[in-house]
Amino acid sequence: MFRTRLISSIVLVIAALFFILKGGYLLAAMLLFLSLVGYRELMKACKLSSGSGRFSSLEIAGYAGIAAYYLLMFFTAERLYLFLAVIMILAVFMFLYVFTFPKYRAEQIMCAFFNVIYAPVMLSCIYLVRSLPYGVYSVWMIFISSWICDTCAYAVGMLIGRHKMVPKLSPKKSIEGAVGGIVGSAIVGALYGYFIVEPVIAEQNVTWAFVVISAVGAVISQIGDLAASAIKRNHEIKDYGKLIPGHGGVMDRFDSVIFTAPMIYLLVLILIHG
């Protein structure tokens, strides 16, 4: 299992390097694929998928809305349209709710809309960060805050972890590990900002901003990890899917990245481009 996870992790890192460095339609297409898979995994977890090879009207509406959102994101620079697209997706779900009544319950409609926001819309922030000036550099803060935090939290937790953070939800996670993840992310963010980014953006002192971004992002990434675990426990499933050998599905591997991406986008806008 460890060997499988290691190989999958290496492939994921290489894929991330390729698609993020390329940017443009390649990155948008990959994020769209991950979003559609993530939406499918969440719908199955919430028992809103037909599971028989056929798609329910809720699934079809979700897939169509996600595709439209990503096409709009790629072909327009006006980000207000993305907000309006999200409202229109909700309107479509409400249309289904009304005109197929009583086929779906209100909580099913709300859950389907939540599933669109949770993975697809939040993942799209990776593309939005990459599209900013110097985005090819700042976008890596999403992964530093997520994957570096996860690695450091695991290492520190194994070495000195004593106090359980949320024992009922994730018994192996400790407060010491959480702090170690935040500190580790901040250190790597500082090194990345000072040695990699500042020589390129000479007119700005971005190291301090990268420390803040990576530290805050690390906090959010751990919440994302725990939130995905909580959903699995509520629905009594072990993994969301089997797409990534040794890791599970998109929601298993990208749970922290999904939560971190919007926060990094906001912080980059405020601290670097504000």
Protein backbone atom coordinates (compact mmCIF):
# COMPACT_ATOMS: atom_id res chain seq x y z
CA MET A 1 0.00 0.00 0.00
CA PHE A 2 2.81 2.43 0.88
CA ARG A 3 4.51 1.82 -2.46
CA THR A 4 1.25 2.42 -4.31
CA ARG A 5 0.61 5.65 -2.40
CA LEU A 6 4.16 6.83 -3.03
CA ILE A 7 3.98 6.18 -6.78
CA SER A 8 0.58 7.90 -6.98
CA SER A 9 1.94 10.89 -5.04
CA ILE A 10 4.90 11.24 -7.41
CA VAL A 11 2.60 11.07 -10.43
CA LEU A 12 0.31 13.70 -8.87
CA VAL A 13 3.22 16.07 -8.24
CA ILE A 14 4.48 15.67 -11.81
CA ALA A 15 0.96 16.21 -13.17
CA ALA A 16 0.52 19.31 -10.99
CA LEU A 17 3.82 20.72 -12.24
CA PHE A 18 2.87 20.12 -15.87
CA PHE A 19 -0.69 21.48 -15.84
CA ILE A 20 -0.01 24.48 -13.59
CA LEU A 21 3.10 25.55 -15.51
CA LYS A 22 1.18 25.23 -18.78
CA GLY A 23 -1.88 27.00 -17.43
CA GLY A 24 -4.55 28.07 -19.90
CA TYR A 25 -6.95 25.55 -21.41
CA LEU A 26 -4.92 22.55 -20.20
CA LEU A 27 -5.23 23.58 -16.56
CA ALA A 28 -8.90 24.52 -16.99
CA ALA A 29 -9.64 21.16 -18.64
CA MET A 30 -7.90 19.19 -15.88
CA LEU A 31 -9.72 21.12 -13.15
CA LEU A 32 -13.01 20.56 -14.98
CA PHE A 33 -12.32 16.82 -15.07
CA LEU A 34 -11.46 16.74 -11.35
CA SER A 35 -14.55 18.81 -10.58
CA LEU A 36 -16.89 16.50 -12.46
CA VAL A 37 -15.39 13.45 -10.75
CA GLY A 38 -15.54 15.16 -7.35
CA TYR A 39 -19.19 16.08 -7.93
CA ARG A 40 -19.98 12.49 -8.85
CA GLU A 41 -18.23 11.21 -5.71
CA LEU A 42 -20.15 13.62 -3.48
CA MET A 43 -23.47 12.79 -5.10
CA LYS A 44 -22.83 9.08 -4.53
CA ALA A 45 -21.79 9.72 -0.93
CA CYS A 46 -25.00 11.69 -0.32
CA LYS A 47 -27.11 8.95 -1.96
CA LEU A 48 -28.20 11.33 -4.73
CA SER A 49 -26.72 9.26 -7.55
CA SER A 50 -28.74 6.62 -9.36
CA GLY A 51 -25.73 4.28 -9.19
CA SER A 52 -26.99 2.20 -12.11
CA GLY A 53 -25.01 3.78 -14.92
CA ARG A 54 -27.83 6.22 -15.57
CA PHE A 55 -27.83 9.81 -14.35
CA SER A 56 -30.59 11.46 -12.39
CA SER A 57 -31.91 14.86 -13.42
CA LEU A 58 -30.07 16.38 -10.44
CA GLU A 59 -26.79 14.92 -11.64
CA ILE A 60 -27.35 16.09 -15.21
CA ALA A 61 -28.18 19.61 -14.02
CA GLY A 62 -25.05 19.62 -11.88
CA TYR A 63 -22.76 18.39 -14.66
CA ALA A 64 -24.19 20.90 -17.14
CA GLY A 65 -23.87 23.74 -14.64
CA ILE A 66 -20.27 22.84 -13.80
CA ALA A 67 -19.30 22.65 -17.49
CA ALA A 68 -20.97 26.01 -18.19
CA TYR A 69 -19.20 27.57 -15.20
CA TYR A 70 -15.78 26.42 -16.39
CA LEU A 71 -16.39 27.52 -19.98
CA LEU A 72 -17.41 30.94 -18.71
CA MET A 73 -14.36 31.10 -16.45
CA PHE A 74 -12.03 30.31 -19.35
CA PHE A 75 -13.57 32.56 -21.97
CA THR A 76 -14.26 35.68 -19.92
CA ALA A 77 -12.06 37.80 -17.69
CA GLU A 78 -15.06 39.31 -15.87
CA ARG A 79 -15.25 37.35 -12.61
CA LEU A 80 -18.65 38.79 -11.71
CA TYR A 81 -20.11 36.47 -14.34
CA LEU A 82 -18.93 33.49 -12.33
CA PHE A 83 -20.96 34.63 -9.36
CA LEU A 84 -23.99 35.00 -11.62
CA ALA A 85 -23.33 31.53 -13.06
CA VAL A 86 -23.49 30.05 -9.55
CA ILE A 87 -26.84 31.79 -8.98
CA MET A 88 -28.12 30.38 -12.27
CA ILE A 89 -27.08 26.86 -11.25
CA LEU A 90 -29.13 27.28 -8.08
CA ALA A 91 -32.04 28.54 -10.20
CA VAL A 92 -31.86 25.40 -12.36
CA PHE A 93 -31.96 23.17 -9.28
CA MET A 94 -34.97 25.09 -7.97
CA PHE A 95 -36.63 24.70 -11.38
CA LEU A 96 -36.22 20.94 -11.08
CA TYR A 97 -37.50 21.02 -7.52
CA VAL A 98 -40.67 22.87 -8.51
CA PHE A 99 -41.54 21.17 -11.78
CA THR A 100 -40.80 17.61 -10.63
CA PHE A 101 -42.41 18.04 -7.22
CA PRO A 102 -42.59 15.91 -5.09
CA LYS A 103 -39.80 13.85 -6.67
CA TYR A 104 -37.06 15.61 -4.67
CA ARG A 105 -37.04 16.88 -1.12
CA ALA A 106 -35.72 20.34 -0.23
CA GLU A 107 -32.67 18.89 1.52
CA GLN A 108 -31.75 16.92 -1.62
CA ILE A 109 -31.80 20.09 -3.71
CA MET A 110 -29.69 21.91 -1.14
CA CYS A 111 -27.23 19.02 -0.97
CA ALA A 112 -26.88 18.85 -4.78
CA PHE A 113 -26.16 22.60 -4.91
CA PHE A 114 -23.68 22.26 -2.04
CA ASN A 115 -21.88 19.54 -4.00
CA VAL A 116 -21.48 21.92 -6.95
CA ILE A 117 -19.93 24.57 -4.71
CA TYR A 118 -17.81 22.23 -2.57
CA ALA A 119 -15.57 20.70 -5.20
CA PRO A 120 -16.09 22.33 -8.63
CA VAL A 121 -16.42 26.01 -7.73
CA MET A 122 -13.80 25.94 -4.98
CA LEU A 123 -11.33 24.01 -7.17
CA SER A 124 -11.74 26.63 -9.89
CA CYS A 125 -9.88 29.07 -7.64
CA ILE A 126 -6.66 27.27 -8.63
CA TYR A 127 -7.22 28.54 -12.18
CA LEU A 128 -8.20 31.99 -10.90
CA VAL A 129 -4.97 32.31 -8.88
CA ARG A 130 -2.93 31.05 -11.86
CA SER A 131 -4.56 33.71 -14.06
CA LEU A 132 -3.42 36.59 -11.83
CA PRO A 133 -0.24 38.56 -12.57
CA TYR A 134 2.68 36.38 -11.42
CA GLY A 135 0.10 33.67 -10.82
CA VAL A 136 2.52 30.99 -11.96
CA TYR A 137 4.37 31.70 -8.69
CA SER A 138 1.56 32.45 -6.24
CA VAL A 139 -0.52 29.41 -7.27
CA TRP A 140 1.99 27.10 -5.60
CA MET A 141 0.98 28.55 -2.24
CA ILE A 142 -2.18 26.45 -2.53
CA PHE A 143 -0.13 23.27 -2.56
CA ILE A 144 2.42 24.46 -0.01
CA SER A 145 -0.43 25.24 2.37
CA SER A 146 -2.07 21.87 1.70
CA TRP A 147 0.45 19.15 0.94
CA ILE A 148 3.39 20.59 2.92
CA CYS A 149 1.09 21.17 5.89
CA ASP A 150 -0.19 17.61 5.65
CA THR A 151 3.35 16.19 5.56
CA CYS A 152 4.63 18.33 8.43
CA ALA A 153 1.54 17.69 10.54
CA TYR A 154 1.93 13.94 10.07
CA ALA A 155 5.66 14.00 10.94
CA VAL A 156 5.27 16.21 14.03
CA GLY A 157 2.20 14.29 15.19
CA MET A 158 4.07 11.00 14.95
CA LEU A 159 7.06 12.38 16.87
CA ILE A 160 5.53 14.44 19.67
CA GLY A 161 1.76 14.30 19.24
CA ARG A 162 0.09 13.84 22.62
CA HIS A 163 -3.09 15.91 22.72
CA LYS A 164 -5.93 14.83 20.44
CA MET A 165 -7.47 17.62 18.39
CA VAL A 166 -10.83 16.08 17.39
CA PRO A 167 -10.78 12.54 18.81
CA LYS A 168 -14.31 11.62 17.74
CA LEU A 169 -13.70 12.64 14.13
CA SER A 170 -10.02 11.87 13.56
CA PRO A 171 -8.35 10.11 16.52
CA LYS A 172 -4.86 10.22 15.00
CA LYS A 173 -4.70 13.99 14.54
CA SER A 174 -3.07 15.92 17.36
CA ILE A 175 -2.83 19.57 18.35
CA GLU A 176 0.97 19.32 18.14
CA GLY A 177 0.70 17.96 14.61
CA ALA A 178 -1.67 20.76 13.59
CA VAL A 179 0.72 23.41 14.91
CA GLY A 180 3.64 21.65 13.23
CA GLY A 181 1.78 21.71 9.93
CA ILE A 182 1.15 25.45 10.21
CA VAL A 183 4.74 26.24 11.18
CA GLY A 184 6.14 23.96 8.49
CA SER A 185 3.99 25.58 5.82
CA ALA A 186 4.99 29.06 6.99
CA ILE A 187 8.70 28.16 6.83
CA VAL A 188 8.43 26.63 3.36
CA GLY A 189 6.34 29.62 2.24
CA ALA A 190 9.02 31.99 3.53
CA LEU A 191 11.81 30.10 1.76
CA TYR A 192 9.80 29.91 -1.45
CA GLY A 193 8.97 33.62 -1.33
CA TYR A 194 12.51 34.75 -0.53
CA PHE A 195 14.53 32.52 -2.83
CA ILE A 196 12.14 31.93 -5.73
CA VAL A 197 9.63 34.76 -5.97
CA GLU A 198 11.41 37.90 -4.76
CA PRO A 199 14.19 37.66 -7.37
CA VAL A 200 11.44 37.72 -10.01
CA ILE A 201 9.22 40.39 -8.42
CA ALA A 202 12.06 42.65 -7.34
CA GLU A 203 9.84 45.69 -6.77
CA GLN A 204 7.86 43.95 -4.01
CA ASN A 205 8.81 42.43 -0.67
CA VAL A 206 6.53 39.40 -0.92
CA THR A 207 8.18 37.08 1.60
CA TRP A 208 6.12 38.35 4.54
CA ALA A 209 2.94 37.99 2.50
CA PHE A 210 3.84 34.42 1.56
CA VAL A 211 4.42 33.57 5.22
CA VAL A 212 0.96 34.87 6.15
CA ILE A 213 -0.69 33.21 3.16
CA SER A 214 0.92 29.82 3.78
CA ALA A 215 0.16 29.89 7.53
CA VAL A 216 -3.50 30.87 7.09
CA GLY A 217 -3.81 28.45 4.22
CA ALA A 218 -2.45 25.66 6.41
CA VAL A 219 -5.16 26.30 9.00
CA ILE A 220 -7.85 26.20 6.32
CA SER A 221 -6.38 23.08 4.70
CA GLN A 222 -6.72 21.14 7.97
CA ILE A 223 -10.35 22.22 8.26
CA GLY A 224 -10.89 20.99 4.71
CA ASP A 225 -9.33 17.65 5.52
CA LEU A 226 -11.50 17.23 8.61
CA ALA A 227 -14.65 18.39 6.81
CA ALA A 228 -14.22 15.75 4.11
CA SER A 229 -13.66 13.13 6.82
CA ALA A 230 -16.78 14.26 8.65
CA ILE A 231 -18.90 13.82 5.52
CA LYS A 232 -17.52 10.30 5.06
CA ARG A 233 -18.31 9.41 8.66
CA ASN A 234 -21.83 10.83 8.38
CA HIS A 235 -22.46 8.66 5.34
CA GLU A 236 -20.46 5.66 6.62
CA ILE A 237 -18.04 5.32 3.69
CA LYS A 238 -14.31 4.65 3.76
CA ASP A 239 -13.29 6.42 0.56
CA TYR A 240 -15.08 8.69 -1.88
CA GLY A 241 -13.79 6.78 -4.91
CA LYS A 242 -11.00 4.71 -6.45
CA LEU A 243 -9.62 7.06 -9.11
CA ILE A 244 -6.19 7.50 -7.47
CA PRO A 245 -4.55 4.20 -6.40
CA GLY A 246 -3.62 4.20 -2.73
CA HIS A 247 -5.42 7.47 -2.06
CA GLY A 248 -9.05 6.94 -3.03
CA GLY A 249 -11.01 9.48 -5.02
CA VAL A 250 -10.64 13.15 -5.90
CA MET A 251 -12.33 14.15 -2.64
CA ASP A 252 -9.92 11.97 -0.67
CA ARG A 253 -6.73 13.38 -2.20
CA PHE A 254 -7.75 16.99 -2.86
CA ASP A 255 -9.87 17.58 0.24
CA SER A 256 -7.47 20.12 1.73
CA VAL A 257 -6.61 21.73 -1.62
CA ILE A 258 -10.32 22.32 -2.31
CA PHE A 259 -10.71 24.34 0.89
CA THR A 260 -7.38 26.13 0.60
CA ALA A 261 -7.69 27.39 -2.98
CA PRO A 262 -10.40 30.05 -2.35
CA MET A 263 -8.59 31.37 0.73
CA ILE A 264 -5.29 31.65 -1.14
CA TYR A 265 -7.07 33.46 -3.99
CA LEU A 266 -8.54 35.97 -1.53
CA LEU A 267 -5.27 36.49 0.35
CA VAL A 268 -3.23 36.91 -2.84
CA LEU A 269 -5.69 39.56 -4.05
CA ILE A 270 -5.53 41.42 -0.73
CA LEU A 271 -1.87 41.09 0.27
CA ILE A 272 -0.10 41.05 -3.10
CA HIS A 273 -2.43 42.71 -5.62
CA GLY A 274 -4.42 44.86 -3.24
